[in-house]
Amino acid sequence: MDQGLIKKIITIILVIVLFVIVFRFVKWLAYTLLPVAVLICAAYIVYKVVKNK
C-alpha cells in the first residue's frame, strides 16, 4: 500500500473516533446541565415577576 493512503485511512479512523467521543461527552453534558439551566431560568423569571409587584 502507498504511504499516503495508509496515512489517510488512519486519519479518517482517528477523526471518526474523536467525533464519537466528543458526541458522547456533549450528550452527557446536555443531559446533566440542561435541567439545571432550565431551573435557573425559571427561578430568574419568577424572581423578576415577584420583584416587579
PDB file of N, CA and C in Angstrom:
ATOM      1  N   MET A   1       0.838  -1.191   0.000  1.00  0.00           N
ATOM      2  CA  MET A   1       0.000   0.000   0.000  1.00  0.00           C
ATOM      3  C   MET A   1       0.880   1.250   0.000  1.00  0.00           C
ATOM      4  N   ASP A   2       0.306   2.288  -0.519  1.00  0.00           N
ATOM      5  CA  ASP A   2       1.008   3.570  -0.571  1.00  0.00           C
ATOM      6  C   ASP A   2       0.994   4.210   0.821  1.00  0.00           C
ATOM      7  N   GLN A   3       2.066   4.900   1.177  1.00  0.00           N
ATOM      8  CA  GLN A   3       2.154   5.552   2.488  1.00  0.00           C
ATOM      9  C   GLN A   3       1.078   6.621   2.661  1.00  0.00           C
ATOM     10  N   GLY A   4       0.780   7.360   1.593  1.00  0.00           N
ATOM     11  CA  GLY A   4      -0.245   8.400   1.670  1.00  0.00           C
ATOM     12  C   GLY A   4      -1.614   7.823   1.948  1.00  0.00           C
ATOM     13  N   LEU A   5      -1.911   6.681   1.334  1.00  0.00           N
ATOM     14  CA  LEU A   5      -3.200   6.028   1.546  1.00  0.00           C
ATOM     15  C   LEU A   5      -3.331   5.530   2.984  1.00  0.00           C
ATOM     16  N   ILE A   6      -2.260   4.972   3.515  1.00  0.00           N
ATOM     17  CA  ILE A   6      -2.280   4.494   4.901  1.00  0.00           C
ATOM     18  C   ILE A   6      -2.497   5.665   5.863  1.00  0.00           C
ATOM     19  N   LYS A   7      -1.827   6.793   5.618  1.00  0.00           N
ATOM     20  CA  LYS A   7      -1.997   7.969   6.473  1.00  0.00           C
ATOM     21  C   LYS A   7      -3.426   8.496   6.400  1.00  0.00           C
ATOM     22  N   LYS A   8      -4.023   8.496   5.204  1.00  0.00           N
ATOM     23  CA  LYS A   8      -5.408   8.965   5.062  1.00  0.00           C
ATOM     24  C   LYS A   8      -6.377   8.057   5.803  1.00  0.00           C
ATOM     25  N   ILE A   9      -6.174   6.749   5.722  1.00  0.00           N
ATOM     26  CA  ILE A   9      -7.052   5.806   6.419  1.00  0.00           C
ATOM     27  C   ILE A   9      -6.938   5.984   7.929  1.00  0.00           C
ATOM     28  N   ILE A  10      -5.722   6.112   8.433  1.00  0.00           N
ATOM     29  CA  ILE A  10      -5.523   6.314   9.867  1.00  0.00           C
ATOM     30  C   ILE A  10      -6.147   7.634  10.315  1.00  0.00           C
ATOM     31  N   THR A  11      -5.994   8.677   9.522  1.00  0.00           N
ATOM     32  CA  THR A  11      -6.573   9.978   9.855  1.00  0.00           C
ATOM     33  C   THR A  11      -8.093   9.902   9.906  1.00  0.00           C
ATOM     34  N   ILE A  12      -8.697   9.242   8.935  1.00  0.00           N
ATOM     35  CA  ILE A  12     -10.154   9.118   8.914  1.00  0.00           C
ATOM     36  C   ILE A  12     -10.646   8.333  10.123  1.00  0.00           C
ATOM     37  N   ILE A  13      -9.949   7.258  10.479  1.00  0.00           N
ATOM     38  CA  ILE A  13     -10.343   6.473  11.654  1.00  0.00           C
ATOM     39  C   ILE A  13     -10.235   7.305  12.924  1.00  0.00           C
ATOM     40  N   LEU A  14      -9.157   8.065  13.068  1.00  0.00           N
ATOM     41  CA  LEU A  14      -8.990   8.915  14.252  1.00  0.00           C
ATOM     42  C   LEU A  14     -10.067   9.991  14.325  1.00  0.00           C
ATOM     43  N   VAL A  15     -10.419  10.585  13.195  1.00  0.00           N
ATOM     44  CA  VAL A  15     -11.467  11.615  13.183  1.00  0.00           C
ATOM     45  C   VAL A  15     -12.800  11.016  13.607  1.00  0.00           C
ATOM     46  N   ILE A  16     -13.106   9.836  13.122  1.00  0.00           N
ATOM     47  CA  ILE A  16     -14.371   9.187  13.495  1.00  0.00           C
ATOM     48  C   ILE A  16     -14.394   8.863  14.988  1.00  0.00           C
ATOM     49  N   VAL A  17     -13.287   8.336  15.517  1.00  0.00           N
ATOM     50  CA  VAL A  17     -13.227   8.010  16.945  1.00  0.00           C
ATOM     51  C   VAL A  17     -13.355   9.273  17.796  1.00  0.00           C
ATOM     52  N   LEU A  18     -12.656  10.324  17.437  1.00  0.00           N
ATOM     53  CA  LEU A  18     -12.752  11.579  18.196  1.00  0.00           C
ATOM     54  C   LEU A  18     -14.157  12.173  18.115  1.00  0.00           C
ATOM     55  N   PHE A  19     -14.786  12.082  16.955  1.00  0.00           N
ATOM     56  CA  PHE A  19     -16.157  12.583  16.811  1.00  0.00           C
ATOM     57  C   PHE A  19     -17.108  11.834  17.737  1.00  0.00           C
ATOM     58  N   VAL A  20     -16.962  10.518  17.822  1.00  0.00           N
ATOM     59  CA  VAL A  20     -17.828   9.724  18.701  1.00  0.00           C
ATOM     60  C   VAL A  20     -17.599  10.097  20.160  1.00  0.00           C
ATOM     61  N   ILE A  21     -16.348  10.280  20.552  1.00  0.00           N
ATOM     62  CA  ILE A  21     -16.040  10.660  21.937  1.00  0.00           C
ATOM     63  C   ILE A  21     -16.631  12.027  22.263  1.00  0.00           C
ATOM     64  N   VAL A  22     -16.453  12.984  21.374  1.00  0.00           N
ATOM     65  CA  VAL A  22     -16.987  14.336  21.603  1.00  0.00           C
ATOM     66  C   VAL A  22     -18.510  14.303  21.638  1.00  0.00           C
ATOM     67  N   PHE A  23     -19.128  13.537  20.746  1.00  0.00           N
ATOM     68  CA  PHE A  23     -20.591  13.454  20.723  1.00  0.00           C
ATOM     69  C   PHE A  23     -21.125  12.886  22.030  1.00  0.00           C
ATOM     70  N   ARG A  24     -20.480  11.837  22.553  1.00  0.00           N
ATOM     71  CA  ARG A  24     -20.931  11.260  23.824  1.00  0.00           C
ATOM     72  C   ARG A  24     -20.745  12.247  24.971  1.00  0.00           C
ATOM     73  N   PHE A  25     -19.647  12.988  24.984  1.00  0.00           N
ATOM     74  CA  PHE A  25     -19.416  13.973  26.043  1.00  0.00           C
ATOM     75  C   PHE A  25     -20.447  15.094  25.987  1.00  0.00           C
ATOM     76  N   VAL A  26     -20.750  15.578  24.784  1.00  0.00           N
ATOM     77  CA  VAL A  26     -21.733  16.659  24.640  1.00  0.00           C
ATOM     78  C   VAL A  26     -23.121  16.168  25.045  1.00  0.00           C
ATOM     79  N   LYS A  27     -23.441  14.930  24.687  1.00  0.00           N
ATOM     80  CA  LYS A  27     -24.744  14.369  25.069  1.00  0.00           C
ATOM     81  C   LYS A  27     -24.844  14.269  26.588  1.00  0.00           C
ATOM     82  N   TRP A  28     -23.791  13.797  27.244  1.00  0.00           N
ATOM     83  CA  TRP A  28     -23.788  13.721  28.703  1.00  0.00           C
ATOM     84  C   TRP A  28     -23.904  15.104  29.317  1.00  0.00           C
ATOM     85  N   LEU A  29     -23.175  16.061  28.755  1.00  0.00           N
ATOM     86  CA  LEU A  29     -23.217  17.427  29.260  1.00  0.00           C
ATOM     87  C   LEU A  29     -24.609  18.024  29.122  1.00  0.00           C
ATOM     88  N   ALA A  30     -25.254  17.784  27.990  1.00  0.00           N
ATOM     89  CA  ALA A  30     -26.597  18.316  27.769  1.00  0.00           C
ATOM     90  C   ALA A  30     -27.592  17.711  28.756  1.00  0.00           C
ATOM     91  N   TYR A  31     -27.535  16.397  28.951  1.00  0.00           N
ATOM     92  CA  TYR A  31     -28.468  15.760  29.876  1.00  0.00           C
ATOM     93  C   TYR A  31     -28.199  16.149  31.319  1.00  0.00           C
ATOM     94  N   THR A  32     -26.973  16.508  31.644  1.00  0.00           N
ATOM     95  CA  THR A  32     -26.634  16.881  33.007  1.00  0.00           C
ATOM     96  C   THR A  32     -26.947  18.348  33.286  1.00  0.00           C
ATOM     97  N   LEU A  33     -26.552  19.231  32.370  1.00  0.00           N
ATOM     98  CA  LEU A  33     -26.669  20.666  32.638  1.00  0.00           C
ATOM     99  C   LEU A  33     -27.976  21.292  32.170  1.00  0.00           C
ATOM    100  N   LEU A  34     -28.657  20.685  31.212  1.00  0.00           N
ATOM    101  CA  LEU A  34     -29.882  21.291  30.691  1.00  0.00           C
ATOM    102  C   LEU A  34     -30.963  21.437  31.757  1.00  0.00           C
ATOM    103  N   PRO A  35     -31.247  20.425  32.583  1.00  0.00           N
ATOM    104  CA  PRO A  35     -32.257  20.632  33.640  1.00  0.00           C
ATOM    105  C   PRO A  35     -31.861  21.730  34.624  1.00  0.00           C
ATOM    106  N   VAL A  36     -30.582  21.833  34.933  1.00  0.00           N
ATOM    107  CA  VAL A  36     -30.114  22.880  35.847  1.00  0.00           C
ATOM    108  C   VAL A  36     -30.318  24.251  35.210  1.00  0.00           C
ATOM    109  N   ALA A  37     -30.002  24.375  33.937  1.00  0.00           N
ATOM    110  CA  ALA A  37     -30.181  25.654  33.243  1.00  0.00           C
ATOM    111  C   ALA A  37     -31.652  26.044  33.170  1.00  0.00           C
ATOM    112  N   VAL A  38     -32.528  25.072  32.930  1.00  0.00           N
ATOM    113  CA  VAL A  38     -33.965  25.362  32.882  1.00  0.00           C
ATOM    114  C   VAL A  38     -34.449  25.830  34.245  1.00  0.00           C
ATOM    115  N   LEU A  39     -33.995  25.188  35.321  1.00  0.00           N
ATOM    116  CA  LEU A  39     -34.395  25.616  36.667  1.00  0.00           C
ATOM    117  C   LEU A  39     -33.888  27.017  36.979  1.00  0.00           C
ATOM    118  N   ILE A  40     -32.678  27.333  36.573  1.00  0.00           N
ATOM    119  CA  ILE A  40     -32.137  28.670  36.816  1.00  0.00           C
ATOM    120  C   ILE A  40     -32.947  29.722  36.060  1.00  0.00           C
ATOM    121  N   CYS A  41     -33.282  29.439  34.806  1.00  0.00           N
ATOM    122  CA  CYS A  41     -34.093  30.388  34.023  1.00  0.00           C
ATOM    123  C   CYS A  41     -35.468  30.569  34.650  1.00  0.00           C
ATOM    124  N   ALA A  42     -36.093  29.489  35.066  1.00  0.00           N
ATOM    125  CA  ALA A  42     -37.411  29.583  35.689  1.00  0.00           C
ATOM    126  C   ALA A  42     -37.341  30.383  36.990  1.00  0.00           C
ATOM    127  N   ALA A  43     -36.330  30.146  37.795  1.00  0.00           N
ATOM    128  CA  ALA A  43     -36.173  30.889  39.044  1.00  0.00           C
ATOM    129  C   ALA A  43     -35.941  32.369  38.768  1.00  0.00           C
ATOM    130  N   TYR A  44     -35.183  32.692  37.740  1.00  0.00           N
ATOM    131  CA  TYR A  44     -34.941  34.097  37.394  1.00  0.00           C
ATOM    132  C   TYR A  44     -36.229  34.776  36.952  1.00  0.00           C
ATOM    133  N   ILE A  45     -37.035  34.090  36.150  1.00  0.00           N
ATOM    134  CA  ILE A  45     -38.306  34.655  35.701  1.00  0.00           C
ATOM    135  C   ILE A  45     -39.235  34.881  36.879  1.00  0.00           C
ATOM    136  N   VAL A  46     -39.337  33.930  37.784  1.00  0.00           N
ATOM    137  CA  VAL A  46     -40.177  34.094  38.973  1.00  0.00           C
ATOM    138  C   VAL A  46     -39.670  35.243  39.825  1.00  0.00           C
ATOM    139  N   TYR A  47     -38.371  35.358  39.971  1.00  0.00           N
ATOM    140  CA  TYR A  47     -37.775  36.450  40.743  1.00  0.00           C
ATOM    141  C   TYR A  47     -38.148  37.806  40.139  1.00  0.00           C
ATOM    142  N   LYS A  48     -38.039  37.928  38.805  1.00  0.00           N
ATOM    143  CA  LYS A  48     -38.380  39.194  38.150  1.00  0.00           C
ATOM    144  C   LYS A  48     -39.854  39.518  38.306  1.00  0.00           C
ATOM    145  N   VAL A  49     -40.725  38.504  38.203  1.00  0.00           N
ATOM    146  CA  VAL A  49     -42.175  38.744  38.341  1.00  0.00           C
ATOM    147  C   VAL A  49     -42.510  39.167  39.752  1.00  0.00           C
ATOM    148  N   VAL A  50     -41.921  38.508  40.746  1.00  0.00           N
ATOM    149  CA  VAL A  50     -42.226  38.816  42.142  1.00  0.00           C
ATOM    150  C   VAL A  50     -41.652  40.182  42.510  1.00  0.00           C
ATOM    151  N   LYS A  51     -40.474  40.515  42.010  1.00  0.00           N
ATOM    152  CA  LYS A  51     -39.835  41.780  42.362  1.00  0.00           C
ATOM    153  C   LYS A  51     -40.569  42.983  41.787  1.00  0.00           C
ATOM    154  N   ASN A  52     -41.188  42.815  40.599  1.00  0.00           N
ATOM    155  CA  ASN A  52     -41.890  43.925  39.971  1.00  0.00           C
ATOM    156  C   ASN A  52     -43.224  44.258  40.665  1.00  0.00           C
ATOM    157  N   LYS A  53     -43.737  43.371  41.476  1.00  0.00           N
ATOM    158  CA  LYS A  53     -45.026  43.645  42.142  1.00  0.00           C
ATOM    159  C   LYS A  53     -44.850  44.453  43.387  1.00  0.00           C
TER     160      LYS A  53
END
